[in-house]
């Protein structure tokens, strides 16, 4: 995914800490900033130890997800926290947005864009550097067929959540393979080595929960760790029989040697995208 980080000049960079005071604003936004994803050849894929049938069902579901989720809009609320060394909150901001995620495909390349129109922005303390996080839909790219050659998958048993049993599948990056998430710093790209776990509904292959971590490989440029967790829920639209798994919440943690941020996202009031919804979002800008 090729990314545009021109907006990073908005980050606060106090003297003496110019390199990573705004590291957090670079991280999660890169996952879904507008960019192109070229499909990889499945012939290069590494053998997997998870069930091929289960993985095939997951990949099919993820591929359909990106096609269907681009037709939806929702309300997004964001809580941005700054934590101290003991994990206690020392600063909090709350804001709300109208949200739409769009995907387009041309000649085998996908382009992902987000529209976030604010309608309730919090007061920003200009002395604070906050974590900017977007792009949770794109985290599912780790299970998309076009990144089949980038990750190894391994079955990890099952887990019961809310009385329902789900399969667990672990993933880890293949060294040297491309990643759907890339950090760009001072003109250089740093692929993020995402590893984590997928919780899968066995019947449909839908991902109901995803955890992804970056805990190594970028310490030389100041990243101490990143952890993200996205919860999905089955949503049925009024007067329609169609049900779609959509993001309901996300928690993002990012740490550097001197900073710890946590963002909490909630997604509600999903609607099918149409001309009227698009015009309403545009009027709120």
C-alpha atoms as a PDB file:
ATOM      1  CA  UNK A   1       0.000   0.000   0.000  1.00  0.00           C
ATOM      2  CA  UNK A   2       1.512   3.328  -1.020  1.00  0.00           C
ATOM      3  CA  UNK A   3       0.739   6.028   1.540  1.00  0.00           C
ATOM      4  CA  UNK A   4       0.513   9.800   1.713  1.00  0.00           C
ATOM      5  CA  UNK A   5       1.851  11.329   4.922  1.00  0.00           C
ATOM      6  CA  UNK A   6       1.741  15.004   3.936  1.00  0.00           C
ATOM      7  CA  UNK A   7      -0.636  15.687   6.839  1.00  0.00           C
ATOM      8  CA  UNK A   8       2.083  14.778   9.371  1.00  0.00           C
ATOM      9  CA  UNK A   9       3.360  18.329   9.375  1.00  0.00           C
ATOM     10  CA  UNK A  10       0.433  19.033  11.733  1.00  0.00           C
ATOM     11  CA  UNK A  11       2.111  17.019  14.489  1.00  0.00           C
ATOM     12  CA  UNK A  12       3.713  18.873  17.374  1.00  0.00           C
ATOM     13  CA  UNK A  13       7.464  18.400  17.412  1.00  0.00           C
ATOM     14  CA  UNK A  14       9.040  19.969  20.502  1.00  0.00           C
ATOM     15  CA  UNK A  15      12.717  20.829  20.260  1.00  0.00           C
ATOM     16  CA  UNK A  16      14.998  17.912  21.014  1.00  0.00           C
ATOM     17  CA  UNK A  17      12.288  15.318  20.335  1.00  0.00           C
ATOM     18  CA  UNK A  18      11.615  15.913  16.666  1.00  0.00           C
ATOM     19  CA  UNK A  19      11.914  12.284  15.575  1.00  0.00           C
ATOM     20  CA  UNK A  20       9.172  10.493  17.502  1.00  0.00           C
ATOM     21  CA  UNK A  21       7.046  12.971  19.437  1.00  0.00           C
ATOM     22  CA  UNK A  22       4.437  12.457  16.703  1.00  0.00           C
ATOM     23  CA  UNK A  23       5.145   8.780  16.004  1.00  0.00           C
ATOM     24  CA  UNK A  24       1.599   7.802  17.023  1.00  0.00           C
ATOM     25  CA  UNK A  25       0.043  10.035  14.430  1.00  0.00           C
ATOM     26  CA  UNK A  26       1.944   8.065  11.798  1.00  0.00           C
ATOM     27  CA  UNK A  27       0.989   4.585  12.821  1.00  0.00           C
ATOM     28  CA  UNK A  28      -2.601   3.507  12.495  1.00  0.00           C
ATOM     29  CA  UNK A  29      -3.545   6.050   9.865  1.00  0.00           C
ATOM     30  CA  UNK A  30      -1.120   4.329   7.512  1.00  0.00           C
ATOM     31  CA  UNK A  31      -3.246   1.191   7.508  1.00  0.00           C
ATOM     32  CA  UNK A  32      -6.074   2.769   5.568  1.00  0.00           C
ATOM     33  CA  UNK A  33      -4.765   6.004   4.113  1.00  0.00           C
ATOM     34  CA  UNK A  34      -5.590   6.219   0.420  1.00  0.00           C
ATOM     35  CA  UNK A  35      -3.234   3.962  -1.483  1.00  0.00           C
ATOM     36  CA  UNK A  36      -2.969   1.149  -4.000  1.00  0.00           C
ATOM     37  CA  UNK A  37      -2.547  -2.513  -3.140  1.00  0.00           C
ATOM     38  CA  UNK A  38      -1.236  -4.706  -5.937  1.00  0.00           C
ATOM     39  CA  UNK A  39      -2.239  -8.351  -5.714  1.00  0.00           C
ATOM     40  CA  UNK A  40       0.487 -10.933  -5.152  1.00  0.00           C
ATOM     41  CA  UNK A  41       0.749 -14.232  -6.931  1.00  0.00           C
ATOM     42  CA  UNK A  42      -0.719 -17.115  -4.949  1.00  0.00           C
ATOM     43  CA  UNK A  43       1.956 -19.328  -6.469  1.00  0.00           C
ATOM     44  CA  UNK A  44       4.473 -17.688  -4.107  1.00  0.00           C
ATOM     45  CA  UNK A  45       2.430 -18.469  -1.009  1.00  0.00           C
ATOM     46  CA  UNK A  46       4.134 -20.304   1.836  1.00  0.00           C
ATOM     47  CA  UNK A  47       2.547 -23.532   3.079  1.00  0.00           C
ATOM     48  CA  UNK A  48       0.204 -23.058   6.015  1.00  0.00           C
ATOM     49  CA  UNK A  49      -0.479 -25.258   9.021  1.00  0.00           C
ATOM     50  CA  UNK A  50      -4.015 -23.992   9.651  1.00  0.00           C
ATOM     51  CA  UNK A  51      -6.848 -25.817   7.882  1.00  0.00           C
ATOM     52  CA  UNK A  52      -6.782 -24.891   4.170  1.00  0.00           C
ATOM     53  CA  UNK A  53     -10.585 -25.172   4.071  1.00  0.00           C
ATOM     54  CA  UNK A  54     -11.008 -22.807   7.021  1.00  0.00           C
ATOM     55  CA  UNK A  55      -8.518 -20.313   5.620  1.00  0.00           C
ATOM     56  CA  UNK A  56     -10.111 -20.472   2.195  1.00  0.00           C
ATOM     57  CA  UNK A  57     -13.484 -19.655   3.762  1.00  0.00           C
ATOM     58  CA  UNK A  58     -11.951 -16.763   5.731  1.00  0.00           C
ATOM     59  CA  UNK A  59     -10.275 -15.312   2.635  1.00  0.00           C
ATOM     60  CA  UNK A  60     -13.494 -15.558   0.639  1.00  0.00           C
ATOM     61  CA  UNK A  61     -15.389 -13.810   3.427  1.00  0.00           C
ATOM     62  CA  UNK A  62     -12.764 -11.053   3.761  1.00  0.00           C
ATOM     63  CA  UNK A  63     -12.794 -10.463   0.008  1.00  0.00           C
ATOM     64  CA  UNK A  64     -16.591 -10.092   0.057  1.00  0.00           C
ATOM     65  CA  UNK A  65     -16.342  -7.901   3.165  1.00  0.00           C
ATOM     66  CA  UNK A  66     -14.287  -5.259   1.370  1.00  0.00           C
ATOM     67  CA  UNK A  67     -16.772  -5.219  -1.480  1.00  0.00           C
ATOM     68  CA  UNK A  68     -19.827  -4.888   0.794  1.00  0.00           C
ATOM     69  CA  UNK A  69     -18.469  -2.665   3.550  1.00  0.00           C
ATOM     70  CA  UNK A  70     -17.730   0.082   1.002  1.00  0.00           C
ATOM     71  CA  UNK A  71     -21.504   0.559   0.684  1.00  0.00           C
ATOM     72  CA  UNK A  72     -21.999   1.421   4.379  1.00  0.00           C
ATOM     73  CA  UNK A  73     -21.836   4.542   6.518  1.00  0.00           C
ATOM     74  CA  UNK A  74     -21.938   4.888  10.289  1.00  0.00           C
ATOM     75  CA  UNK A  75     -21.358   7.129  13.296  1.00  0.00           C
ATOM     76  CA  UNK A  76     -17.938   6.932  14.914  1.00  0.00           C
ATOM     77  CA  UNK A  77     -17.016   8.147  18.394  1.00  0.00           C
ATOM     78  CA  UNK A  78     -13.361   8.406  19.393  1.00  0.00           C
ATOM     79  CA  UNK A  79     -11.774   8.734  22.834  1.00  0.00           C
ATOM     80  CA  UNK A  80      -8.085   9.658  22.765  1.00  0.00           C
ATOM     81  CA  UNK A  81      -6.144   8.934  25.953  1.00  0.00           C
ATOM     82  CA  UNK A  82      -2.640   9.783  27.122  1.00  0.00           C
ATOM     83  CA  UNK A  83      -1.395   7.381  29.818  1.00  0.00           C
ATOM     84  CA  UNK A  84       1.379   7.665  32.374  1.00  0.00           C
ATOM     85  CA  UNK A  85       4.001   5.034  33.181  1.00  0.00           C
ATOM     86  CA  UNK A  86       1.594   3.145  35.459  1.00  0.00           C
ATOM     87  CA  UNK A  87      -1.136   3.067  32.803  1.00  0.00           C
ATOM     88  CA  UNK A  88      -3.376   5.705  34.385  1.00  0.00           C
ATOM     89  CA  UNK A  89      -5.129   8.286  32.203  1.00  0.00           C
ATOM     90  CA  UNK A  90      -3.602  11.767  32.433  1.00  0.00           C
ATOM     91  CA  UNK A  91      -5.409  13.341  29.465  1.00  0.00           C
ATOM     92  CA  UNK A  92      -8.608  12.569  27.510  1.00  0.00           C
ATOM     93  CA  UNK A  93     -10.298  13.947  24.378  1.00  0.00           C
ATOM     94  CA  UNK A  94     -13.671  12.893  22.932  1.00  0.00           C
ATOM     95  CA  UNK A  95     -14.916  13.486  19.390  1.00  0.00           C
ATOM     96  CA  UNK A  96     -17.494  12.144  16.915  1.00  0.00           C
ATOM     97  CA  UNK A  97     -17.623  11.692  13.135  1.00  0.00           C
ATOM     98  CA  UNK A  98     -19.736  10.551  10.213  1.00  0.00           C
ATOM     99  CA  UNK A  99     -17.719   7.697   8.735  1.00  0.00           C
ATOM    100  CA  UNK A 100     -17.563   5.953   5.349  1.00  0.00           C
ATOM    101  CA  UNK A 101     -15.041   3.445   4.025  1.00  0.00           C
ATOM    102  CA  UNK A 102     -14.738   3.060   0.247  1.00  0.00           C
ATOM    103  CA  UNK A 103     -12.914   0.543  -1.928  1.00  0.00           C
ATOM    104  CA  UNK A 104     -12.353   0.594  -5.672  1.00  0.00           C
ATOM    105  CA  UNK A 105     -10.566  -1.882  -7.926  1.00  0.00           C
ATOM    106  CA  UNK A 106      -8.838  -1.233 -11.235  1.00  0.00           C
ATOM    107  CA  UNK A 107      -6.603  -3.654 -13.190  1.00  0.00           C
ATOM    108  CA  UNK A 108      -5.981  -5.858 -10.165  1.00  0.00           C
ATOM    109  CA  UNK A 109      -5.105  -2.998  -7.787  1.00  0.00           C
ATOM    110  CA  UNK A 110      -7.309  -1.908  -4.901  1.00  0.00           C
ATOM    111  CA  UNK A 111      -7.617   1.593  -3.537  1.00  0.00           C
ATOM    112  CA  UNK A 112      -8.889   2.270  -0.033  1.00  0.00           C
ATOM    113  CA  UNK A 113     -10.136   5.635   1.176  1.00  0.00           C
ATOM    114  CA  UNK A 114     -11.901   6.823   4.322  1.00  0.00           C
ATOM    115  CA  UNK A 115     -14.258   9.738   4.776  1.00  0.00           C
ATOM    116  CA  UNK A 116     -14.522  11.051   8.343  1.00  0.00           C
ATOM    117  CA  UNK A 117     -16.639  14.202   8.644  1.00  0.00           C
ATOM    118  CA  UNK A 118     -16.483  15.709  12.151  1.00  0.00           C
ATOM    119  CA  UNK A 119     -19.659  16.846  13.878  1.00  0.00           C
ATOM    120  CA  UNK A 120     -18.442  16.965  17.489  1.00  0.00           C
ATOM    121  CA  UNK A 121     -14.751  17.740  17.894  1.00  0.00           C
ATOM    122  CA  UNK A 122     -13.188  18.017  21.320  1.00  0.00           C
ATOM    123  CA  UNK A 123     -11.137  20.950  22.510  1.00  0.00           C
ATOM    124  CA  UNK A 124      -7.516  20.211  21.684  1.00  0.00           C
ATOM    125  CA  UNK A 125      -4.800  21.095  24.161  1.00  0.00           C
ATOM    126  CA  UNK A 126      -2.086  22.458  21.822  1.00  0.00           C
ATOM    127  CA  UNK A 127       0.557  21.233  24.264  1.00  0.00           C
ATOM    128  CA  UNK A 128      -0.525  17.603  23.808  1.00  0.00           C
ATOM    129  CA  UNK A 129       0.506  15.213  21.057  1.00  0.00           C
ATOM    130  CA  UNK A 130      -2.344  12.742  20.523  1.00  0.00           C
ATOM    131  CA  UNK A 131      -2.600   9.430  18.734  1.00  0.00           C
ATOM    132  CA  UNK A 132      -4.435   9.665  15.389  1.00  0.00           C
ATOM    133  CA  UNK A 133      -5.981   6.295  14.480  1.00  0.00           C
ATOM    134  CA  UNK A 134      -7.982   5.292  11.407  1.00  0.00           C
ATOM    135  CA  UNK A 135      -8.293   2.347   9.083  1.00  0.00           C
ATOM    136  CA  UNK A 136      -9.543  -0.563  11.149  1.00  0.00           C
ATOM    137  CA  UNK A 137     -11.382  -2.143   8.221  1.00  0.00           C
ATOM    138  CA  UNK A 138      -8.069  -2.527   6.447  1.00  0.00           C
ATOM    139  CA  UNK A 139      -6.535  -4.629   9.214  1.00  0.00           C
ATOM    140  CA  UNK A 140      -8.456  -7.538   7.684  1.00  0.00           C
ATOM    141  CA  UNK A 141      -6.116  -7.348   4.696  1.00  0.00           C
ATOM    142  CA  UNK A 142      -3.833  -9.781   6.533  1.00  0.00           C
ATOM    143  CA  UNK A 143      -6.371 -12.472   5.547  1.00  0.00           C
ATOM    144  CA  UNK A 144      -7.115 -11.136   2.046  1.00  0.00           C
ATOM    145  CA  UNK A 145      -6.022 -13.340  -0.904  1.00  0.00           C
ATOM    146  CA  UNK A 146      -3.729 -10.612  -2.243  1.00  0.00           C
ATOM    147  CA  UNK A 147      -1.562 -10.940   0.901  1.00  0.00           C
ATOM    148  CA  UNK A 148      -1.597 -14.741   0.885  1.00  0.00           C
ATOM    149  CA  UNK A 149       2.178 -14.803   0.429  1.00  0.00           C
ATOM    150  CA  UNK A 150       2.872 -12.389   3.279  1.00  0.00           C
ATOM    151  CA  UNK A 151       1.725 -14.358   6.329  1.00  0.00           C
ATOM    152  CA  UNK A 152       1.948 -17.787   7.888  1.00  0.00           C
ATOM    153  CA  UNK A 153      -1.221 -19.044   9.553  1.00  0.00           C
ATOM    154  CA  UNK A 154      -1.580 -21.618  12.314  1.00  0.00           C
ATOM    155  CA  UNK A 155      -4.656 -23.091  13.961  1.00  0.00           C
ATOM    156  CA  UNK A 156      -4.871 -22.167  17.639  1.00  0.00           C
ATOM    157  CA  UNK A 157      -7.829 -24.162  18.898  1.00  0.00           C
ATOM    158  CA  UNK A 158     -11.190 -22.615  19.727  1.00  0.00           C
ATOM    159  CA  UNK A 159     -12.654 -20.197  22.258  1.00  0.00           C
ATOM    160  CA  UNK A 160     -16.181 -19.648  23.523  1.00  0.00           C
ATOM    161  CA  UNK A 161     -17.304 -16.006  23.587  1.00  0.00           C
ATOM    162  CA  UNK A 162     -20.826 -15.143  24.691  1.00  0.00           C
ATOM    163  CA  UNK A 163     -21.872 -18.779  24.510  1.00  0.00           C
ATOM    164  CA  UNK A 164     -20.646 -19.218  20.909  1.00  0.00           C
ATOM    165  CA  UNK A 165     -17.571 -21.232  19.935  1.00  0.00           C
ATOM    166  CA  UNK A 166     -15.124 -19.603  17.510  1.00  0.00           C
ATOM    167  CA  UNK A 167     -12.008 -20.891  15.800  1.00  0.00           C
ATOM    168  CA  UNK A 168      -8.728 -19.126  16.553  1.00  0.00           C
ATOM    169  CA  UNK A 169      -6.120 -18.714  13.834  1.00  0.00           C
ATOM    170  CA  UNK A 170      -2.745 -17.127  14.549  1.00  0.00           C
ATOM    171  CA  UNK A 171      -0.798 -15.231  11.908  1.00  0.00           C
ATOM    172  CA  UNK A 172       2.756 -13.977  11.702  1.00  0.00           C
ATOM    173  CA  UNK A 173       4.607 -12.085   8.977  1.00  0.00           C
ATOM    174  CA  UNK A 174       6.958 -13.804   6.557  1.00  0.00           C
ATOM    175  CA  UNK A 175      10.314 -11.963   6.669  1.00  0.00           C
ATOM    176  CA  UNK A 176      10.830  -9.830   3.597  1.00  0.00           C
ATOM    177  CA  UNK A 177       7.220 -10.128   2.374  1.00  0.00           C
ATOM    178  CA  UNK A 178       5.067  -7.090   1.689  1.00  0.00           C
ATOM    179  CA  UNK A 179       2.731  -5.757   4.362  1.00  0.00           C
ATOM    180  CA  UNK A 180      -0.648  -3.970   4.107  1.00  0.00           C
ATOM    181  CA  UNK A 181       0.708  -1.481   6.673  1.00  0.00           C
ATOM    182  CA  UNK A 182       3.767   0.666   5.984  1.00  0.00           C
ATOM    183  CA  UNK A 183       5.264   3.462   8.041  1.00  0.00           C
ATOM    184  CA  UNK A 184       6.840   6.288   6.065  1.00  0.00           C
ATOM    185  CA  UNK A 185       9.440   8.319   7.951  1.00  0.00           C
ATOM    186  CA  UNK A 186      11.780  10.915   6.448  1.00  0.00           C
ATOM    187  CA  UNK A 187      11.141   9.629   2.923  1.00  0.00           C
ATOM    188  CA  UNK A 188      11.710   5.947   3.745  1.00  0.00           C
ATOM    189  CA  UNK A 189       9.099   3.172   3.973  1.00  0.00           C
ATOM    190  CA  UNK A 190       9.079   0.762   6.928  1.00  0.00           C
ATOM    191  CA  UNK A 191       6.717  -2.221   6.493  1.00  0.00           C
ATOM    192  CA  UNK A 192       5.035  -2.990   9.815  1.00  0.00           C
ATOM    193  CA  UNK A 193       5.482  -6.661  10.820  1.00  0.00           C
ATOM    194  CA  UNK A 194       1.946  -7.398  12.057  1.00  0.00           C
ATOM    195  CA  UNK A 195       1.340 -10.594  14.011  1.00  0.00           C
ATOM    196  CA  UNK A 196      -1.728 -11.642  15.931  1.00  0.00           C
ATOM    197  CA  UNK A 197      -4.885 -13.736  16.104  1.00  0.00           C
ATOM    198  CA  UNK A 198      -8.186 -14.010  14.205  1.00  0.00           C
ATOM    199  CA  UNK A 199     -11.369 -15.300  15.860  1.00  0.00           C
ATOM    200  CA  UNK A 200     -13.487 -16.964  13.168  1.00  0.00           C
ATOM    201  CA  UNK A 201     -17.132 -17.999  12.933  1.00  0.00           C
ATOM    202  CA  UNK A 202     -16.739 -21.572  11.589  1.00  0.00           C
ATOM    203  CA  UNK A 203     -19.900 -21.629   9.454  1.00  0.00           C
ATOM    204  CA  UNK A 204     -19.358 -18.400   7.499  1.00  0.00           C
ATOM    205  CA  UNK A 205     -15.636 -17.725   7.849  1.00  0.00           C
ATOM    206  CA  UNK A 206     -16.432 -14.242   9.214  1.00  0.00           C
ATOM    207  CA  UNK A 207     -13.817 -12.599  11.409  1.00  0.00           C
ATOM    208  CA  UNK A 208     -15.526 -11.621  14.683  1.00  0.00           C
ATOM    209  CA  UNK A 209     -12.411 -10.380  16.471  1.00  0.00           C
ATOM    210  CA  UNK A 210      -8.910  -9.434  15.392  1.00  0.00           C
ATOM    211  CA  UNK A 211      -5.811  -8.665  17.439  1.00  0.00           C
ATOM    212  CA  UNK A 212      -2.622  -7.395  15.802  1.00  0.00           C
ATOM    213  CA  UNK A 213       0.691  -6.466  17.380  1.00  0.00           C
ATOM    214  CA  UNK A 214       3.946  -4.839  16.341  1.00  0.00           C
ATOM    215  CA  UNK A 215       6.474  -5.608  19.068  1.00  0.00           C
ATOM    216  CA  UNK A 216       9.758  -5.896  17.219  1.00  0.00           C
ATOM    217  CA  UNK A 217      11.636  -4.760  14.158  1.00  0.00           C
ATOM    218  CA  UNK A 218      11.170  -0.990  14.536  1.00  0.00           C
ATOM    219  CA  UNK A 219      12.827  -0.315  17.890  1.00  0.00           C
ATOM    220  CA  UNK A 220      15.740   1.354  16.111  1.00  0.00           C
ATOM    221  CA  UNK A 221      13.432   4.220  15.087  1.00  0.00           C
ATOM    222  CA  UNK A 222      11.720   4.542  18.465  1.00  0.00           C
ATOM    223  CA  UNK A 223       8.640   2.296  18.361  1.00  0.00           C
ATOM    224  CA  UNK A 224       8.406   0.322  21.602  1.00  0.00           C
ATOM    225  CA  UNK A 225       5.146  -1.441  20.768  1.00  0.00           C
ATOM    226  CA  UNK A 226       1.736  -1.297  19.134  1.00  0.00           C
ATOM    227  CA  UNK A 227      -1.330  -3.393  19.905  1.00  0.00           C
ATOM    228  CA  UNK A 228      -4.755  -3.196  18.268  1.00  0.00           C
ATOM    229  CA  UNK A 229      -7.980  -5.082  18.897  1.00  0.00           C
ATOM    230  CA  UNK A 230     -11.049  -4.825  16.669  1.00  0.00           C
ATOM    231  CA  UNK A 231     -14.434  -6.353  17.535  1.00  0.00           C
ATOM    232  CA  UNK A 232     -16.975  -7.105  14.795  1.00  0.00           C
ATOM    233  CA  UNK A 233     -20.719  -7.617  15.111  1.00  0.00           C
ATOM    234  CA  UNK A 234     -23.453  -8.990  12.850  1.00  0.00           C
ATOM    235  CA  UNK A 235     -25.713  -6.139  11.775  1.00  0.00           C
ATOM    236  CA  UNK A 236     -29.092  -6.465  10.067  1.00  0.00           C
ATOM    237  CA  UNK A 237     -30.504  -3.463   8.220  1.00  0.00           C
ATOM    238  CA  UNK A 238     -34.089  -2.379   8.669  1.00  0.00           C
ATOM    239  CA  UNK A 239     -36.502  -3.708   6.039  1.00  0.00           C
ATOM    240  CA  UNK A 240     -33.744  -5.922   4.574  1.00  0.00           C
ATOM    241  CA  UNK A 241     -32.881  -9.569   5.054  1.00  0.00           C
ATOM    242  CA  UNK A 242     -29.177  -8.927   4.488  1.00  0.00           C
ATOM    243  CA  UNK A 243     -26.814  -9.244   7.457  1.00  0.00           C
ATOM    244  CA  UNK A 244     -23.247  -7.937   7.412  1.00  0.00           C
ATOM    245  CA  UNK A 245     -20.383  -8.307   9.880  1.00  0.00           C
ATOM    246  CA  UNK A 246     -19.111  -4.793  10.628  1.00  0.00           C
ATOM    247  CA  UNK A 247     -16.628  -3.219  13.073  1.00  0.00           C
ATOM    248  CA  UNK A 248     -18.270  -2.309  16.380  1.00  0.00           C
ATOM    249  CA  UNK A 249     -15.292  -1.220  18.463  1.00  0.00           C
ATOM    250  CA  UNK A 250     -11.527  -0.864  18.344  1.00  0.00           C
ATOM    251  CA  UNK A 251      -8.818  -0.286  20.939  1.00  0.00           C
ATOM    252  CA  UNK A 252      -5.386   0.898  19.803  1.00  0.00           C
ATOM    253  CA  UNK A 253      -2.314   1.131  22.053  1.00  0.00           C
ATOM    254  CA  UNK A 254       0.969   2.675  20.928  1.00  0.00           C
ATOM    255  CA  UNK A 255       4.098   3.138  23.022  1.00  0.00           C
ATOM    256  CA  UNK A 256       7.446   4.804  22.510  1.00  0.00           C
ATOM    257  CA  UNK A 257      10.167   5.004  25.180  1.00  0.00           C
ATOM    258  CA  UNK A 258       8.594   8.252  26.460  1.00  0.00           C
ATOM    259  CA  UNK A 259       4.909   8.175  25.439  1.00  0.00           C
ATOM    260  CA  UNK A 260       1.875   5.876  25.817  1.00  0.00           C
ATOM    261  CA  UNK A 261      -1.369   6.486  23.911  1.00  0.00           C
ATOM    262  CA  UNK A 262      -4.664   4.576  23.807  1.00  0.00           C
ATOM    263  CA  UNK A 263      -7.560   5.304  21.461  1.00  0.00           C
ATOM    264  CA  UNK A 264     -11.049   3.852  21.871  1.00  0.00           C
ATOM    265  CA  UNK A 265     -13.426   3.761  18.892  1.00  0.00           C
ATOM    266  CA  UNK A 266     -17.123   2.900  18.732  1.00  0.00           C
ATOM    267  CA  UNK A 267     -19.078   2.438  15.474  1.00  0.00           C
ATOM    268  CA  UNK A 268     -22.879   2.704  15.539  1.00  0.00           C
ATOM    269  CA  UNK A 269     -25.930   3.597  13.408  1.00  0.00           C
ATOM    270  CA  UNK A 270     -24.846   1.733  10.294  1.00  0.00           C
ATOM    271  CA  UNK A 271     -26.733   2.581   7.114  1.00  0.00           C
ATOM    272  CA  UNK A 272     -26.563   1.458   3.522  1.00  0.00           C
ATOM    273  CA  UNK A 273     -24.777   4.087   1.460  1.00  0.00           C
ATOM    274  CA  UNK A 274     -26.898   5.964  -1.095  1.00  0.00           C
ATOM    275  CA  UNK A 275     -27.035   9.409  -2.707  1.00  0.00           C
ATOM    276  CA  UNK A 276     -29.031  10.924   0.154  1.00  0.00           C
ATOM    277  CA  UNK A 277     -26.608   9.654   2.770  1.00  0.00           C
ATOM    278  CA  UNK A 278     -23.662  10.965   0.731  1.00  0.00           C
ATOM    279  CA  UNK A 279     -25.263  14.407   0.435  1.00  0.00           C
ATOM    280  CA  UNK A 280     -25.985  14.491   4.160  1.00  0.00           C
ATOM    281  CA  UNK A 281     -22.348  13.697   4.990  1.00  0.00           C
ATOM    282  CA  UNK A 282     -21.160  16.380   2.601  1.00  0.00           C
ATOM    283  CA  UNK A 283     -23.390  18.986   4.267  1.00  0.00           C
ATOM    284  CA  UNK A 284     -21.828  18.201   7.645  1.00  0.00           C
ATOM    285  CA  UNK A 285     -18.306  18.962   6.503  1.00  0.00           C
END
